[in-house]
Amino acid sequence: MKVEKRLEELGINLPEVSAPKAKYVPVRKVGNLLFVSGQLPVKEDGSLYTGKLGREHDVQSGQDAARRCAINLLATLKAELGDLDLVKSIVKLQSFVSCEAGFTEPHIVTNAASELLIEAFGESGWHARTAIGTNQLPLDAAVEIDAIVEV
């Protein structure tokens, strides 16, 4: 339970995983890869970071939302695997940042999620990544992140 001990040292408590909000599964396993569905920035109190970067949120607030997505991603992996040490590597993240036209820093917002995964998994946390700015996300979420994970 090395990964979970690192999370504890970082002061991170993994939340209970909520049921999907539409017709999909949280995780689909294909061979030794887990395809983790998009995670929204649900806060500890159950509320959601909503709104757009460049309007309701600045970069720091967007990074807080991206970090929450990563925490929720870890909770989903824990629910699927039972033990985060079964993760061999984080292969890829795909990040969608709801933003106003002209907002050019989705990659900086997404860094907060990447940094958390690297802190949790060390070298195995380094990953390929896509960070996309978009005009709208489900439930008016500020950020949504999905992942491909090797086990």
N, C-alpha and C. Protein backbone atom coordinates (compact mmCIF):
# COMPACT_ATOMS: atom_id res chain seq x y z
N MET A 1 0.82 -1.20 0.00
CA MET A 1 0.00 0.00 0.00
C MET A 1 0.86 1.26 0.00
N LYS A 2 1.94 1.23 -0.78
CA LYS A 2 2.85 2.37 -0.82
C LYS A 2 2.18 3.61 -1.39
N VAL A 3 1.40 3.45 -2.46
CA VAL A 3 0.76 4.61 -3.09
C VAL A 3 -0.23 5.24 -2.11
N GLU A 4 -1.02 4.43 -1.45
CA GLU A 4 -2.00 4.97 -0.52
C GLU A 4 -1.33 5.64 0.67
N LYS A 5 -0.17 5.14 1.09
CA LYS A 5 0.59 5.78 2.16
C LYS A 5 1.08 7.15 1.69
N ARG A 6 1.55 7.23 0.44
CA ARG A 6 1.98 8.53 -0.10
C ARG A 6 0.82 9.52 -0.11
N LEU A 7 -0.36 9.04 -0.53
CA LEU A 7 -1.54 9.91 -0.54
C LEU A 7 -1.87 10.40 0.86
N GLU A 8 -1.78 9.51 1.82
CA GLU A 8 -2.03 9.88 3.22
C GLU A 8 -1.03 10.95 3.66
N GLU A 9 0.24 10.77 3.30
CA GLU A 9 1.27 11.76 3.65
C GLU A 9 0.99 13.11 3.00
N LEU A 10 0.35 13.08 1.83
CA LEU A 10 -0.02 14.32 1.13
C LEU A 10 -1.32 14.92 1.66
N GLY A 11 -1.94 14.24 2.63
CA GLY A 11 -3.19 14.73 3.20
C GLY A 11 -4.40 14.48 2.32
N ILE A 12 -4.31 13.48 1.45
CA ILE A 12 -5.40 13.20 0.51
C ILE A 12 -6.19 11.99 0.98
N ASN A 13 -7.49 12.20 1.17
CA ASN A 13 -8.42 11.13 1.48
C ASN A 13 -9.23 10.84 0.22
N LEU A 14 -9.24 9.59 -0.19
CA LEU A 14 -10.00 9.24 -1.39
C LEU A 14 -11.48 9.16 -1.05
N PRO A 15 -12.32 9.81 -1.85
CA PRO A 15 -13.76 9.80 -1.59
C PRO A 15 -14.41 8.49 -2.04
N GLU A 16 -15.64 8.29 -1.63
CA GLU A 16 -16.44 7.19 -2.16
C GLU A 16 -16.72 7.50 -3.63
N VAL A 17 -16.73 6.48 -4.44
CA VAL A 17 -16.98 6.67 -5.87
C VAL A 17 -18.49 6.77 -6.09
N SER A 18 -18.90 7.79 -6.82
CA SER A 18 -20.32 7.96 -7.11
C SER A 18 -20.71 7.14 -8.33
N ALA A 19 -21.98 6.85 -8.43
CA ALA A 19 -22.50 6.10 -9.57
C ALA A 19 -22.40 6.96 -10.83
N PRO A 20 -22.23 6.33 -12.00
CA PRO A 20 -22.18 7.10 -13.25
C PRO A 20 -23.45 7.95 -13.43
N LYS A 21 -23.27 9.10 -14.06
CA LYS A 21 -24.37 10.04 -14.29
C LYS A 21 -25.10 9.79 -15.62
N ALA A 22 -24.63 8.79 -16.38
CA ALA A 22 -25.23 8.47 -17.67
C ALA A 22 -24.97 6.99 -17.96
N LYS A 23 -25.08 6.58 -19.20
CA LYS A 23 -24.96 5.17 -19.60
C LYS A 23 -23.52 4.83 -19.97
N TYR A 24 -22.71 4.52 -18.97
CA TYR A 24 -21.32 4.12 -19.17
C TYR A 24 -20.84 3.38 -17.93
N VAL A 25 -19.70 2.75 -18.03
CA VAL A 25 -19.07 2.13 -16.86
C VAL A 25 -17.89 3.01 -16.43
N PRO A 26 -17.58 3.03 -15.14
CA PRO A 26 -16.48 3.87 -14.67
C PRO A 26 -15.12 3.44 -15.22
N VAL A 27 -14.95 2.12 -15.39
CA VAL A 27 -13.67 1.58 -15.86
C VAL A 27 -13.96 0.41 -16.79
N ARG A 28 -13.22 0.33 -17.90
CA ARG A 28 -13.29 -0.81 -18.80
C ARG A 28 -11.88 -1.36 -18.93
N LYS A 29 -11.74 -2.66 -18.62
CA LYS A 29 -10.42 -3.30 -18.72
C LYS A 29 -10.31 -4.01 -20.06
N VAL A 30 -9.20 -3.77 -20.75
CA VAL A 30 -8.87 -4.44 -22.01
C VAL A 30 -7.42 -4.89 -21.89
N GLY A 31 -7.24 -6.21 -21.80
CA GLY A 31 -5.89 -6.72 -21.56
C GLY A 31 -5.36 -6.21 -20.24
N ASN A 32 -4.19 -5.59 -20.29
CA ASN A 32 -3.62 -5.05 -19.06
C ASN A 32 -3.82 -3.54 -18.94
N LEU A 33 -4.77 -3.01 -19.71
CA LEU A 33 -5.05 -1.58 -19.66
C LEU A 33 -6.43 -1.32 -19.07
N LEU A 34 -6.51 -0.28 -18.24
CA LEU A 34 -7.78 0.20 -17.73
C LEU A 34 -8.07 1.53 -18.40
N PHE A 35 -9.25 1.63 -18.98
CA PHE A 35 -9.72 2.88 -19.56
C PHE A 35 -10.69 3.48 -18.54
N VAL A 36 -10.27 4.57 -17.91
CA VAL A 36 -11.05 5.19 -16.84
C VAL A 36 -11.88 6.31 -17.45
N SER A 37 -13.19 6.23 -17.24
CA SER A 37 -14.10 7.26 -17.75
C SER A 37 -13.77 8.63 -17.16
N GLY A 38 -14.26 9.65 -17.83
CA GLY A 38 -14.00 11.02 -17.39
C GLY A 38 -14.42 11.27 -15.96
N GLN A 39 -13.54 11.89 -15.21
CA GLN A 39 -13.78 12.23 -13.81
C GLN A 39 -14.02 13.72 -13.69
N LEU A 40 -15.06 14.07 -12.96
CA LEU A 40 -15.40 15.48 -12.76
C LEU A 40 -14.78 15.98 -11.46
N PRO A 41 -14.67 17.30 -11.32
CA PRO A 41 -14.06 17.88 -10.12
C PRO A 41 -15.04 18.01 -8.96
N VAL A 42 -15.44 16.87 -8.42
CA VAL A 42 -16.35 16.86 -7.28
C VAL A 42 -15.52 17.12 -6.02
N LYS A 43 -15.92 18.11 -5.26
CA LYS A 43 -15.21 18.50 -4.04
C LYS A 43 -15.55 17.54 -2.90
N GLU A 44 -14.81 17.64 -1.81
CA GLU A 44 -15.04 16.79 -0.64
C GLU A 44 -16.46 16.91 -0.11
N ASP A 45 -17.07 18.09 -0.23
CA ASP A 45 -18.43 18.28 0.29
C ASP A 45 -19.50 17.81 -0.70
N GLY A 46 -19.08 17.25 -1.84
CA GLY A 46 -20.03 16.74 -2.83
C GLY A 46 -20.43 17.74 -3.88
N SER A 47 -20.05 18.99 -3.72
CA SER A 47 -20.36 20.00 -4.73
C SER A 47 -19.37 19.88 -5.88
N LEU A 48 -19.66 20.55 -6.96
CA LEU A 48 -18.89 20.45 -8.19
C LEU A 48 -18.28 21.81 -8.55
N TYR A 49 -17.01 21.82 -8.95
CA TYR A 49 -16.44 23.03 -9.53
C TYR A 49 -17.15 23.23 -10.87
N THR A 50 -17.90 24.30 -11.00
CA THR A 50 -18.61 24.60 -12.24
C THR A 50 -18.12 25.92 -12.82
N GLY A 51 -18.45 26.15 -14.08
CA GLY A 51 -18.12 27.41 -14.73
C GLY A 51 -16.90 27.29 -15.63
N LYS A 52 -16.51 28.41 -16.16
CA LYS A 52 -15.47 28.45 -17.18
C LYS A 52 -14.20 29.13 -16.68
N LEU A 53 -13.07 28.60 -17.15
CA LEU A 53 -11.79 29.26 -16.94
C LEU A 53 -11.78 30.53 -17.79
N GLY A 54 -11.25 31.57 -17.23
CA GLY A 54 -11.23 32.85 -17.93
C GLY A 54 -12.49 33.66 -17.67
N ARG A 55 -13.45 33.11 -16.94
CA ARG A 55 -14.66 33.84 -16.53
C ARG A 55 -14.86 33.63 -15.03
N GLU A 56 -15.39 32.49 -14.60
CA GLU A 56 -15.59 32.25 -13.17
C GLU A 56 -14.32 31.79 -12.45
N HIS A 57 -13.38 31.25 -13.20
CA HIS A 57 -12.17 30.69 -12.59
C HIS A 57 -10.90 31.27 -13.20
N ASP A 58 -9.91 31.45 -12.32
CA ASP A 58 -8.57 31.77 -12.80
C ASP A 58 -7.79 30.45 -12.88
N VAL A 59 -6.54 30.52 -13.29
CA VAL A 59 -5.73 29.31 -13.46
C VAL A 59 -5.62 28.53 -12.16
N GLN A 60 -5.38 29.21 -11.04
CA GLN A 60 -5.24 28.52 -9.75
C GLN A 60 -6.50 27.75 -9.38
N SER A 61 -7.64 28.36 -9.55
CA SER A 61 -8.91 27.69 -9.26
C SER A 61 -9.12 26.51 -10.21
N GLY A 62 -8.72 26.69 -11.47
CA GLY A 62 -8.80 25.59 -12.43
C GLY A 62 -7.89 24.44 -12.04
N GLN A 63 -6.71 24.77 -11.51
CA GLN A 63 -5.79 23.72 -11.05
C GLN A 63 -6.38 22.97 -9.86
N ASP A 64 -7.08 23.68 -8.98
CA ASP A 64 -7.76 23.00 -7.87
C ASP A 64 -8.78 22.01 -8.41
N ALA A 65 -9.51 22.42 -9.45
CA ALA A 65 -10.51 21.53 -10.06
C ALA A 65 -9.83 20.33 -10.72
N ALA A 66 -8.74 20.56 -11.42
CA ALA A 66 -8.02 19.45 -12.07
C ALA A 66 -7.47 18.48 -11.03
N ARG A 67 -6.99 18.99 -9.93
CA ARG A 67 -6.49 18.14 -8.85
C ARG A 67 -7.62 17.27 -8.29
N ARG A 68 -8.81 17.87 -8.14
CA ARG A 68 -9.96 17.09 -7.66
C ARG A 68 -10.30 15.98 -8.66
N CYS A 69 -10.20 16.27 -9.95
CA CYS A 69 -10.43 15.22 -10.96
C CYS A 69 -9.45 14.07 -10.75
N ALA A 70 -8.19 14.39 -10.50
CA ALA A 70 -7.17 13.35 -10.29
C ALA A 70 -7.46 12.56 -9.02
N ILE A 71 -7.89 13.22 -7.97
CA ILE A 71 -8.24 12.51 -6.73
C ILE A 71 -9.41 11.56 -7.00
N ASN A 72 -10.39 12.02 -7.74
CA ASN A 72 -11.54 11.17 -8.06
C ASN A 72 -11.14 10.03 -8.99
N LEU A 73 -10.18 10.27 -9.86
CA LEU A 73 -9.64 9.21 -10.71
C LEU A 73 -8.98 8.13 -9.86
N LEU A 74 -8.19 8.56 -8.88
CA LEU A 74 -7.54 7.60 -7.97
C LEU A 74 -8.58 6.81 -7.17
N ALA A 75 -9.63 7.48 -6.74
CA ALA A 75 -10.70 6.78 -6.01
C ALA A 75 -11.36 5.73 -6.89
N THR A 76 -11.56 6.06 -8.15
CA THR A 76 -12.17 5.12 -9.10
C THR A 76 -11.25 3.92 -9.31
N LEU A 77 -9.95 4.17 -9.44
CA LEU A 77 -8.99 3.08 -9.58
C LEU A 77 -8.97 2.21 -8.33
N LYS A 78 -9.00 2.83 -7.17
CA LYS A 78 -9.01 2.08 -5.91
C LYS A 78 -10.26 1.20 -5.83
N ALA A 79 -11.42 1.75 -6.22
CA ALA A 79 -12.66 0.97 -6.19
C ALA A 79 -12.58 -0.22 -7.15
N GLU A 80 -11.94 -0.03 -8.28
CA GLU A 80 -11.82 -1.09 -9.29
C GLU A 80 -10.81 -2.15 -8.88
N LEU A 81 -9.66 -1.72 -8.36
CA LEU A 81 -8.55 -2.63 -8.11
C LEU A 81 -8.45 -3.11 -6.67
N GLY A 82 -8.94 -2.32 -5.73
CA GLY A 82 -8.79 -2.66 -4.33
C GLY A 82 -7.46 -2.22 -3.75
N ASP A 83 -6.45 -2.02 -4.58
CA ASP A 83 -5.10 -1.65 -4.12
C ASP A 83 -4.42 -0.86 -5.24
N LEU A 84 -4.09 0.38 -4.96
CA LEU A 84 -3.46 1.23 -5.98
C LEU A 84 -2.06 0.77 -6.35
N ASP A 85 -1.44 -0.08 -5.53
CA ASP A 85 -0.12 -0.60 -5.89
C ASP A 85 -0.19 -1.55 -7.08
N LEU A 86 -1.38 -1.96 -7.49
CA LEU A 86 -1.53 -2.80 -8.69
C LEU A 86 -1.36 -2.00 -9.97
N VAL A 87 -1.36 -0.67 -9.86
CA VAL A 87 -1.13 0.19 -11.02
C VAL A 87 0.34 0.11 -11.39
N LYS A 88 0.60 -0.31 -12.63
CA LYS A 88 1.97 -0.39 -13.12
C LYS A 88 2.43 0.97 -13.64
N SER A 89 1.54 1.66 -14.37
CA SER A 89 1.87 3.01 -14.84
C SER A 89 0.62 3.75 -15.28
N ILE A 90 0.71 5.07 -15.16
CA ILE A 90 -0.31 5.94 -15.74
C ILE A 90 0.15 6.17 -17.18
N VAL A 91 -0.60 5.67 -18.13
CA VAL A 91 -0.18 5.72 -19.54
C VAL A 91 -0.51 7.07 -20.15
N LYS A 92 -1.77 7.51 -19.99
CA LYS A 92 -2.19 8.75 -20.64
C LYS A 92 -3.33 9.41 -19.89
N LEU A 93 -3.29 10.73 -19.83
CA LEU A 93 -4.41 11.54 -19.35
C LEU A 93 -4.96 12.32 -20.52
N GLN A 94 -6.26 12.51 -20.49
CA GLN A 94 -6.91 13.40 -21.44
C GLN A 94 -7.74 14.38 -20.61
N SER A 95 -7.44 15.65 -20.74
CA SER A 95 -8.06 16.68 -19.92
C SER A 95 -8.87 17.63 -20.80
N PHE A 96 -10.07 17.92 -20.34
CA PHE A 96 -10.94 18.89 -21.01
C PHE A 96 -11.20 20.02 -20.03
N VAL A 97 -10.90 21.23 -20.45
CA VAL A 97 -11.04 22.41 -19.60
C VAL A 97 -12.10 23.31 -20.22
N SER A 98 -13.18 23.54 -19.48
CA SER A 98 -14.24 24.43 -19.95
C SER A 98 -13.72 25.86 -19.83
N CYS A 99 -13.70 26.57 -20.96
CA CYS A 99 -13.10 27.90 -20.91
C CYS A 99 -13.71 28.85 -21.93
N GLU A 100 -13.48 30.09 -21.67
CA GLU A 100 -13.86 31.16 -22.57
C GLU A 100 -12.94 31.15 -23.79
N ALA A 101 -13.44 31.64 -24.91
CA ALA A 101 -12.59 31.79 -26.09
C ALA A 101 -11.40 32.67 -25.72
N GLY A 102 -10.23 32.28 -26.17
CA GLY A 102 -9.03 33.04 -25.88
C GLY A 102 -8.26 32.55 -24.66
N PHE A 103 -8.85 31.64 -23.88
CA PHE A 103 -8.11 31.08 -22.74
C PHE A 103 -7.10 30.09 -23.30
N THR A 104 -5.82 30.36 -23.06
CA THR A 104 -4.76 29.58 -23.72
C THR A 104 -3.96 28.70 -22.76
N GLU A 105 -4.49 28.44 -21.57
CA GLU A 105 -3.69 27.70 -20.60
C GLU A 105 -4.32 26.41 -20.08
N PRO A 106 -5.08 25.65 -20.90
CA PRO A 106 -5.59 24.37 -20.42
C PRO A 106 -4.46 23.43 -19.96
N HIS A 107 -3.32 23.53 -20.60
CA HIS A 107 -2.18 22.68 -20.23
C HIS A 107 -1.65 23.02 -18.83
N ILE A 108 -1.69 24.29 -18.47
CA ILE A 108 -1.23 24.72 -17.14
C ILE A 108 -2.25 24.28 -16.08
N VAL A 109 -3.53 24.39 -16.39
CA VAL A 109 -4.58 23.89 -15.48
C VAL A 109 -4.36 22.40 -15.23
N THR A 110 -4.14 21.64 -16.29
CA THR A 110 -4.01 20.19 -16.22
C THR A 110 -2.76 19.75 -15.47
N ASN A 111 -1.75 20.61 -15.41
CA ASN A 111 -0.53 20.26 -14.68
C ASN A 111 -0.81 19.81 -13.25
N ALA A 112 -1.82 20.38 -12.62
CA ALA A 112 -2.12 20.02 -11.23
C ALA A 112 -2.49 18.55 -11.10
N ALA A 113 -3.24 18.02 -12.07
CA ALA A 113 -3.58 16.59 -12.06
C ALA A 113 -2.34 15.76 -12.32
N SER A 114 -1.55 16.16 -13.30
CA SER A 114 -0.33 15.42 -13.63
C SER A 114 0.62 15.38 -12.43
N GLU A 115 0.80 16.52 -11.78
CA GLU A 115 1.70 16.59 -10.64
C GLU A 115 1.26 15.67 -9.51
N LEU A 116 -0.04 15.60 -9.25
CA LEU A 116 -0.53 14.72 -8.19
C LEU A 116 -0.25 13.26 -8.52
N LEU A 117 -0.48 12.86 -9.77
CA LEU A 117 -0.23 11.48 -10.16
C LEU A 117 1.26 11.13 -10.08
N ILE A 118 2.11 12.07 -10.43
CA ILE A 118 3.55 11.85 -10.32
C ILE A 118 3.96 11.76 -8.85
N GLU A 119 3.37 12.60 -8.00
CA GLU A 119 3.66 12.52 -6.56
C GLU A 119 3.22 11.17 -6.00
N ALA A 120 2.08 10.69 -6.43
CA ALA A 120 1.53 9.43 -5.91
C ALA A 120 2.29 8.21 -6.41
N PHE A 121 2.62 8.17 -7.71
CA PHE A 121 3.19 6.97 -8.32
C PHE A 121 4.67 7.08 -8.65
N GLY A 122 5.29 8.22 -8.41
CA GLY A 122 6.70 8.38 -8.76
C GLY A 122 6.89 8.28 -10.26
N GLU A 123 7.96 7.62 -10.69
CA GLU A 123 8.27 7.49 -12.13
C GLU A 123 7.11 6.88 -12.91
N SER A 124 6.37 5.98 -12.29
CA SER A 124 5.24 5.33 -12.96
C SER A 124 4.07 6.29 -13.20
N GLY A 125 4.11 7.44 -12.56
CA GLY A 125 3.05 8.43 -12.73
C GLY A 125 3.22 9.32 -13.94
N TRP A 126 4.46 9.35 -14.51
CA TRP A 126 4.68 10.15 -15.72
C TRP A 126 3.87 9.56 -16.86
N HIS A 127 3.25 10.41 -17.67
CA HIS A 127 2.29 9.95 -18.67
C HIS A 127 2.29 10.85 -19.89
N ALA A 128 1.77 10.29 -20.97
CA ALA A 128 1.44 11.12 -22.14
C ALA A 128 0.17 11.88 -21.79
N ARG A 129 -0.11 12.98 -22.50
CA ARG A 129 -1.24 13.80 -22.08
C ARG A 129 -1.78 14.65 -23.22
N THR A 130 -3.06 14.89 -23.16
CA THR A 130 -3.73 15.85 -24.02
C THR A 130 -4.49 16.81 -23.12
N ALA A 131 -4.40 18.11 -23.38
CA ALA A 131 -5.16 19.11 -22.62
C ALA A 131 -5.90 19.98 -23.63
N ILE A 132 -7.21 19.94 -23.57
CA ILE A 132 -8.06 20.59 -24.56
C ILE A 132 -8.95 21.63 -23.89
N GLY A 133 -9.04 22.80 -24.47
CA GLY A 133 -10.02 23.80 -24.05
C GLY A 133 -11.30 23.58 -24.83
N THR A 134 -12.42 23.64 -24.14
CA THR A 134 -13.72 23.43 -24.79
C THR A 134 -14.73 24.43 -24.25
N ASN A 135 -15.83 24.61 -24.98
CA ASN A 135 -16.79 25.62 -24.56
C ASN A 135 -17.82 25.12 -23.55
N GLN A 136 -17.94 23.78 -23.34
CA GLN A 136 -18.92 23.29 -22.38
C GLN A 136 -18.61 21.85 -22.00
N LEU A 137 -18.85 21.51 -20.73
CA LEU A 137 -18.70 20.14 -20.23
C LEU A 137 -19.98 19.72 -19.53
N PRO A 138 -20.20 18.41 -19.36
CA PRO A 138 -21.39 17.95 -18.66
C PRO A 138 -21.52 18.58 -17.27
N LEU A 139 -22.77 18.87 -16.90
CA LEU A 139 -23.10 19.44 -15.60
C LEU A 139 -22.42 20.78 -15.34
N ASP A 140 -21.95 21.43 -16.40
CA ASP A 140 -21.24 22.70 -16.32
C ASP A 140 -19.92 22.57 -15.56
N ALA A 141 -19.34 21.35 -15.54
CA ALA A 141 -18.07 21.13 -14.85
C ALA A 141 -16.98 22.02 -15.45
N ALA A 142 -16.06 22.45 -14.60
CA ALA A 142 -14.95 23.29 -15.06
C ALA A 142 -13.88 22.46 -15.76
N VAL A 143 -13.70 21.21 -15.33
CA VAL A 143 -12.66 20.32 -15.87
C VAL A 143 -13.20 18.90 -15.86
N GLU A 144 -12.78 18.09 -16.83
CA GLU A 144 -13.04 16.66 -16.84
C GLU A 144 -11.78 15.96 -17.32
N ILE A 145 -11.40 14.88 -16.63
CA ILE A 145 -10.17 14.16 -16.98
C ILE A 145 -10.44 12.68 -17.02
N ASP A 146 -9.99 12.02 -18.10
CA ASP A 146 -10.03 10.56 -18.18
C ASP A 146 -8.61 10.04 -18.30
N ALA A 147 -8.46 8.71 -18.23
CA ALA A 147 -7.11 8.16 -18.20
C ALA A 147 -7.06 6.75 -18.79
N ILE A 148 -5.88 6.39 -19.24
CA ILE A 148 -5.54 5.02 -19.58
C ILE A 148 -4.43 4.62 -18.61
N VAL A 149 -4.64 3.47 -17.94
CA VAL A 149 -3.75 3.03 -16.87
C VAL A 149 -3.34 1.59 -17.14
N GLU A 150 -2.06 1.31 -16.96
CA GLU A 150 -1.56 -0.06 -17.11
C GLU A 150 -1.54 -0.75 -15.75
N VAL A 151 -2.02 -2.00 -15.72
CA VAL A 151 -1.98 -2.81 -14.50
C VAL A 151 -1.23 -4.09 -14.77
